[in-house]
Amino acid sequence: MTDRADDGVTEELSVPVRFGPDLVEGSLVVARRASGDVALALTLPDRATLQGVGFDLLAALDDLRAAVEAQGGLLWVNGARANVHASGMLRDARDGRLAYVLPEQRVQDRPPVTDVLLGAGPDDPVVSLAEQQVWFARYLARSD
């Protein structure tokens, strides 16, 4: 992790990206722009750098995921798991860095949270943006 206020870079980390059966390590740079937006830049071997921008980290991650998906890949991070979703309050409190890991069935207890940029496990249900939105809509529609 770096803290270079002169160029807005707040963090650099390695993240996995899946292209078909292959898992590739990419270099992700997180930066806060003067406008307040969060910018993500993902550098992958033998590919152009992909970018995502948003009002918070989760919005920027969604934008970056769309760019990765357009190249035929899936960003293999916790924020791309089917059952990961952030509430508005959690987004505001943590600038989109944390999200809830929702159980299959709705429960009264608050679900655990996860860092959306951490690499997901090899068997985690990582999905596309569209599939994640469908999963959450079904989750909300379930009656308890």
C-alpha atoms as a PDB file:
ATOM      1  CA  MET A   1       0.000   0.000   0.000  1.00  0.00           C
ATOM      2  CA  THR A   2       1.276   3.435  -0.864  1.00  0.00           C
ATOM      3  CA  ASP A   3       0.214   6.890   0.189  1.00  0.00           C
ATOM      4  CA  ARG A   4       1.338   9.330  -2.501  1.00  0.00           C
ATOM      5  CA  ALA A   5      -0.785  12.437  -2.054  1.00  0.00           C
ATOM      6  CA  ASP A   6       1.115  14.237  -4.836  1.00  0.00           C
ATOM      7  CA  ASP A   7      -0.498  12.124  -7.590  1.00  0.00           C
ATOM      8  CA  GLY A   8      -3.688  11.019  -5.812  1.00  0.00           C
ATOM      9  CA  VAL A   9      -2.597   7.372  -5.588  1.00  0.00           C
ATOM     10  CA  THR A  10      -3.810   5.934  -2.323  1.00  0.00           C
ATOM     11  CA  GLU A  11      -3.181   2.250  -2.881  1.00  0.00           C
ATOM     12  CA  GLU A  12      -1.601  -0.289  -5.233  1.00  0.00           C
ATOM     13  CA  LEU A  13      -2.446  -3.971  -5.052  1.00  0.00           C
ATOM     14  CA  SER A  14      -2.506  -7.200  -7.055  1.00  0.00           C
ATOM     15  CA  VAL A  15      -5.877  -8.567  -8.114  1.00  0.00           C
ATOM     16  CA  PRO A  16      -6.806 -11.735 -10.002  1.00  0.00           C
ATOM     17  CA  VAL A  17      -8.694 -11.621 -13.300  1.00  0.00           C
ATOM     18  CA  ARG A  18     -10.179 -14.708 -14.953  1.00  0.00           C
ATOM     19  CA  PHE A  19     -10.128 -15.106 -18.721  1.00  0.00           C
ATOM     20  CA  GLY A  20     -11.775 -18.449 -19.476  1.00  0.00           C
ATOM     21  CA  PRO A  21      -9.902 -21.082 -17.459  1.00  0.00           C
ATOM     22  CA  ASP A  22      -6.883 -18.809 -16.886  1.00  0.00           C
ATOM     23  CA  LEU A  23      -6.395 -16.674 -13.786  1.00  0.00           C
ATOM     24  CA  VAL A  24      -4.088 -13.703 -14.409  1.00  0.00           C
ATOM     25  CA  GLU A  25      -2.651 -11.334 -11.805  1.00  0.00           C
ATOM     26  CA  GLY A  26      -3.235  -7.684 -12.547  1.00  0.00           C
ATOM     27  CA  SER A  27      -1.875  -4.565 -10.894  1.00  0.00           C
ATOM     28  CA  LEU A  28      -4.611  -2.271  -9.574  1.00  0.00           C
ATOM     29  CA  VAL A  29      -4.007   1.371  -8.692  1.00  0.00           C
ATOM     30  CA  VAL A  30      -6.618   3.195  -6.599  1.00  0.00           C
ATOM     31  CA  ALA A  31      -6.564   6.986  -6.790  1.00  0.00           C
ATOM     32  CA  ARG A  32      -8.696   9.777  -5.406  1.00  0.00           C
ATOM     33  CA  ARG A  33      -9.156  12.578  -7.923  1.00  0.00           C
ATOM     34  CA  ALA A  34      -9.275  16.251  -6.988  1.00  0.00           C
ATOM     35  CA  SER A  35     -12.984  16.153  -7.942  1.00  0.00           C
ATOM     36  CA  GLY A  36     -13.555  13.585  -5.192  1.00  0.00           C
ATOM     37  CA  ASP A  37     -14.147  10.699  -7.609  1.00  0.00           C
ATOM     38  CA  VAL A  38     -12.335   7.398  -7.213  1.00  0.00           C
ATOM     39  CA  ALA A  39     -10.334   6.179 -10.214  1.00  0.00           C
ATOM     40  CA  LEU A  40      -9.121   2.604 -10.678  1.00  0.00           C
ATOM     41  CA  ALA A  41      -6.487   1.580 -13.229  1.00  0.00           C
ATOM     42  CA  LEU A  42      -5.916  -2.126 -13.902  1.00  0.00           C
ATOM     43  CA  THR A  43      -2.777  -3.190 -15.736  1.00  0.00           C
ATOM     44  CA  LEU A  44      -2.760  -6.743 -17.097  1.00  0.00           C
ATOM     45  CA  PRO A  45       0.065  -8.571 -18.870  1.00  0.00           C
ATOM     46  CA  ASP A  46      -0.099  -8.171 -22.659  1.00  0.00           C
ATOM     47  CA  ARG A  47      -3.267  -6.016 -22.516  1.00  0.00           C
ATOM     48  CA  ALA A  48      -4.114  -2.335 -22.463  1.00  0.00           C
ATOM     49  CA  THR A  49      -4.705  -0.725 -19.079  1.00  0.00           C
ATOM     50  CA  LEU A  50      -8.392  -0.727 -18.140  1.00  0.00           C
ATOM     51  CA  GLN A  51      -9.988   2.018 -16.059  1.00  0.00           C
ATOM     52  CA  GLY A  52     -13.022   2.601 -13.909  1.00  0.00           C
ATOM     53  CA  VAL A  53     -14.255   5.816 -12.308  1.00  0.00           C
ATOM     54  CA  GLY A  54     -17.052   6.435  -9.828  1.00  0.00           C
ATOM     55  CA  PHE A  55     -18.299   8.596  -6.981  1.00  0.00           C
ATOM     56  CA  ASP A  56     -17.007   5.971  -4.529  1.00  0.00           C
ATOM     57  CA  LEU A  57     -14.844   2.865  -4.720  1.00  0.00           C
ATOM     58  CA  LEU A  58     -17.731   0.489  -5.390  1.00  0.00           C
ATOM     59  CA  ALA A  59     -19.042   2.619  -8.275  1.00  0.00           C
ATOM     60  CA  ALA A  60     -15.522   2.755  -9.737  1.00  0.00           C
ATOM     61  CA  LEU A  61     -15.231  -1.019  -9.293  1.00  0.00           C
ATOM     62  CA  ASP A  62     -18.485  -1.569 -11.197  1.00  0.00           C
ATOM     63  CA  ASP A  63     -17.186   0.652 -14.007  1.00  0.00           C
ATOM     64  CA  LEU A  64     -13.899  -1.294 -14.088  1.00  0.00           C
ATOM     65  CA  ARG A  65     -15.736  -4.627 -14.015  1.00  0.00           C
ATOM     66  CA  ALA A  66     -17.719  -3.552 -17.084  1.00  0.00           C
ATOM     67  CA  ALA A  67     -14.442  -2.772 -18.884  1.00  0.00           C
ATOM     68  CA  VAL A  68     -12.953  -6.146 -17.896  1.00  0.00           C
ATOM     69  CA  GLU A  69     -16.125  -7.976 -18.970  1.00  0.00           C
ATOM     70  CA  ALA A  70     -16.009  -6.191 -22.346  1.00  0.00           C
ATOM     71  CA  GLN A  71     -12.577  -7.834 -22.799  1.00  0.00           C
ATOM     72  CA  GLY A  72     -13.998 -11.278 -21.977  1.00  0.00           C
ATOM     73  CA  GLY A  73     -12.820 -11.436 -18.369  1.00  0.00           C
ATOM     74  CA  LEU A  74     -14.106 -11.377 -14.811  1.00  0.00           C
ATOM     75  CA  LEU A  75     -12.405  -9.354 -12.106  1.00  0.00           C
ATOM     76  CA  TRP A  76     -11.992 -12.047  -9.435  1.00  0.00           C
ATOM     77  CA  VAL A  77     -12.534  -9.930  -6.300  1.00  0.00           C
ATOM     78  CA  ASN A  78     -15.025 -10.048  -3.443  1.00  0.00           C
ATOM     79  CA  GLY A  79     -16.968  -7.125  -4.899  1.00  0.00           C
ATOM     80  CA  ALA A  80     -17.797  -9.325  -7.911  1.00  0.00           C
ATOM     81  CA  ARG A  81     -19.282 -12.190  -5.915  1.00  0.00           C
ATOM     82  CA  ALA A  82     -22.987 -12.746  -6.587  1.00  0.00           C
ATOM     83  CA  ASN A  83     -23.984 -12.303  -2.941  1.00  0.00           C
ATOM     84  CA  VAL A  84     -21.961  -9.167  -2.138  1.00  0.00           C
ATOM     85  CA  HIS A  85     -23.899  -5.922  -1.891  1.00  0.00           C
ATOM     86  CA  ALA A  86     -23.435  -2.640  -0.013  1.00  0.00           C
ATOM     87  CA  SER A  87     -26.159  -0.624   1.642  1.00  0.00           C
ATOM     88  CA  GLY A  88     -26.204   3.126   1.154  1.00  0.00           C
ATOM     89  CA  MET A  89     -25.183   3.693   4.762  1.00  0.00           C
ATOM     90  CA  LEU A  90     -22.222   1.307   4.529  1.00  0.00           C
ATOM     91  CA  ARG A  91     -21.135   2.908   1.255  1.00  0.00           C
ATOM     92  CA  ASP A  92     -21.255   6.362   2.816  1.00  0.00           C
ATOM     93  CA  ALA A  93     -19.388   5.276   5.942  1.00  0.00           C
ATOM     94  CA  ARG A  94     -16.587   3.442   4.126  1.00  0.00           C
ATOM     95  CA  ASP A  95     -16.588   5.185   0.716  1.00  0.00           C
ATOM     96  CA  GLY A  96     -17.645   1.964  -1.005  1.00  0.00           C
ATOM     97  CA  ARG A  97     -14.716  -0.109   0.283  1.00  0.00           C
ATOM     98  CA  LEU A  98     -16.823  -2.569   2.279  1.00  0.00           C
ATOM     99  CA  ALA A  99     -19.951  -4.502   1.332  1.00  0.00           C
ATOM    100  CA  TYR A 100     -22.145  -7.112   2.965  1.00  0.00           C
ATOM    101  CA  VAL A 101     -21.822 -10.824   2.222  1.00  0.00           C
ATOM    102  CA  LEU A 102     -25.482 -11.774   2.036  1.00  0.00           C
ATOM    103  CA  PRO A 103     -26.711 -15.240   3.018  1.00  0.00           C
ATOM    104  CA  GLU A 104     -28.984 -17.222   0.683  1.00  0.00           C
ATOM    105  CA  GLN A 105     -31.958 -16.546   2.963  1.00  0.00           C
ATOM    106  CA  ARG A 106     -32.657 -13.200   4.612  1.00  0.00           C
ATOM    107  CA  VAL A 107     -31.935 -13.110   8.341  1.00  0.00           C
ATOM    108  CA  GLN A 108     -32.438 -10.592  11.143  1.00  0.00           C
ATOM    109  CA  ASP A 109     -28.743 -10.375  12.014  1.00  0.00           C
ATOM    110  CA  ARG A 110     -26.471  -8.015  10.134  1.00  0.00           C
ATOM    111  CA  PRO A 111     -24.418 -10.037   7.635  1.00  0.00           C
ATOM    112  CA  PRO A 112     -20.623  -9.964   7.711  1.00  0.00           C
ATOM    113  CA  VAL A 113     -18.759  -7.413   5.594  1.00  0.00           C
ATOM    114  CA  THR A 114     -15.879  -7.871   3.188  1.00  0.00           C
ATOM    115  CA  ASP A 115     -13.331  -5.679   1.450  1.00  0.00           C
ATOM    116  CA  VAL A 116     -14.552  -5.445  -2.155  1.00  0.00           C
ATOM    117  CA  LEU A 117     -11.004  -5.324  -3.568  1.00  0.00           C
ATOM    118  CA  LEU A 118      -9.704  -8.482  -1.896  1.00  0.00           C
ATOM    119  CA  GLY A 119      -9.240 -11.423  -4.217  1.00  0.00           C
ATOM    120  CA  ALA A 120     -12.146 -13.861  -4.145  1.00  0.00           C
ATOM    121  CA  GLY A 121     -11.554 -17.518  -3.409  1.00  0.00           C
ATOM    122  CA  PRO A 122     -11.265 -20.002  -6.282  1.00  0.00           C
ATOM    123  CA  ASP A 123     -14.711 -21.469  -5.510  1.00  0.00           C
ATOM    124  CA  ASP A 124     -16.468 -18.192  -4.710  1.00  0.00           C
ATOM    125  CA  PRO A 125     -19.472 -17.326  -6.888  1.00  0.00           C
ATOM    126  CA  VAL A 126     -17.867 -14.549  -8.946  1.00  0.00           C
ATOM    127  CA  VAL A 127     -20.269 -13.313 -11.615  1.00  0.00           C
ATOM    128  CA  SER A 128     -20.778 -10.539 -14.134  1.00  0.00           C
ATOM    129  CA  LEU A 129     -22.358  -7.218 -13.158  1.00  0.00           C
ATOM    130  CA  ALA A 130     -25.653  -8.242 -14.764  1.00  0.00           C
ATOM    131  CA  GLU A 131     -25.698 -11.597 -12.947  1.00  0.00           C
ATOM    132  CA  GLN A 132     -24.950  -9.871  -9.640  1.00  0.00           C
ATOM    133  CA  GLN A 133     -27.875  -7.472 -10.161  1.00  0.00           C
ATOM    134  CA  VAL A 134     -30.215 -10.391 -10.945  1.00  0.00           C
ATOM    135  CA  TRP A 135     -29.056 -12.258  -7.814  1.00  0.00           C
ATOM    136  CA  PHE A 136     -29.729  -9.220  -5.621  1.00  0.00           C
ATOM    137  CA  ALA A 137     -33.160  -8.576  -7.172  1.00  0.00           C
ATOM    138  CA  ARG A 138     -34.091 -12.206  -6.426  1.00  0.00           C
ATOM    139  CA  TYR A 139     -32.727 -11.838  -2.899  1.00  0.00           C
ATOM    140  CA  LEU A 140     -34.935  -8.787  -2.305  1.00  0.00           C
ATOM    141  CA  ALA A 141     -37.985 -10.545  -3.782  1.00  0.00           C
ATOM    142  CA  ARG A 142     -37.741 -13.543  -1.447  1.00  0.00           C
ATOM    143  CA  SER A 143     -40.421 -13.632   1.202  1.00  0.00           C
ATOM    144  CA  ASP A 144     -39.410 -14.777   4.637  1.00  0.00           C
END
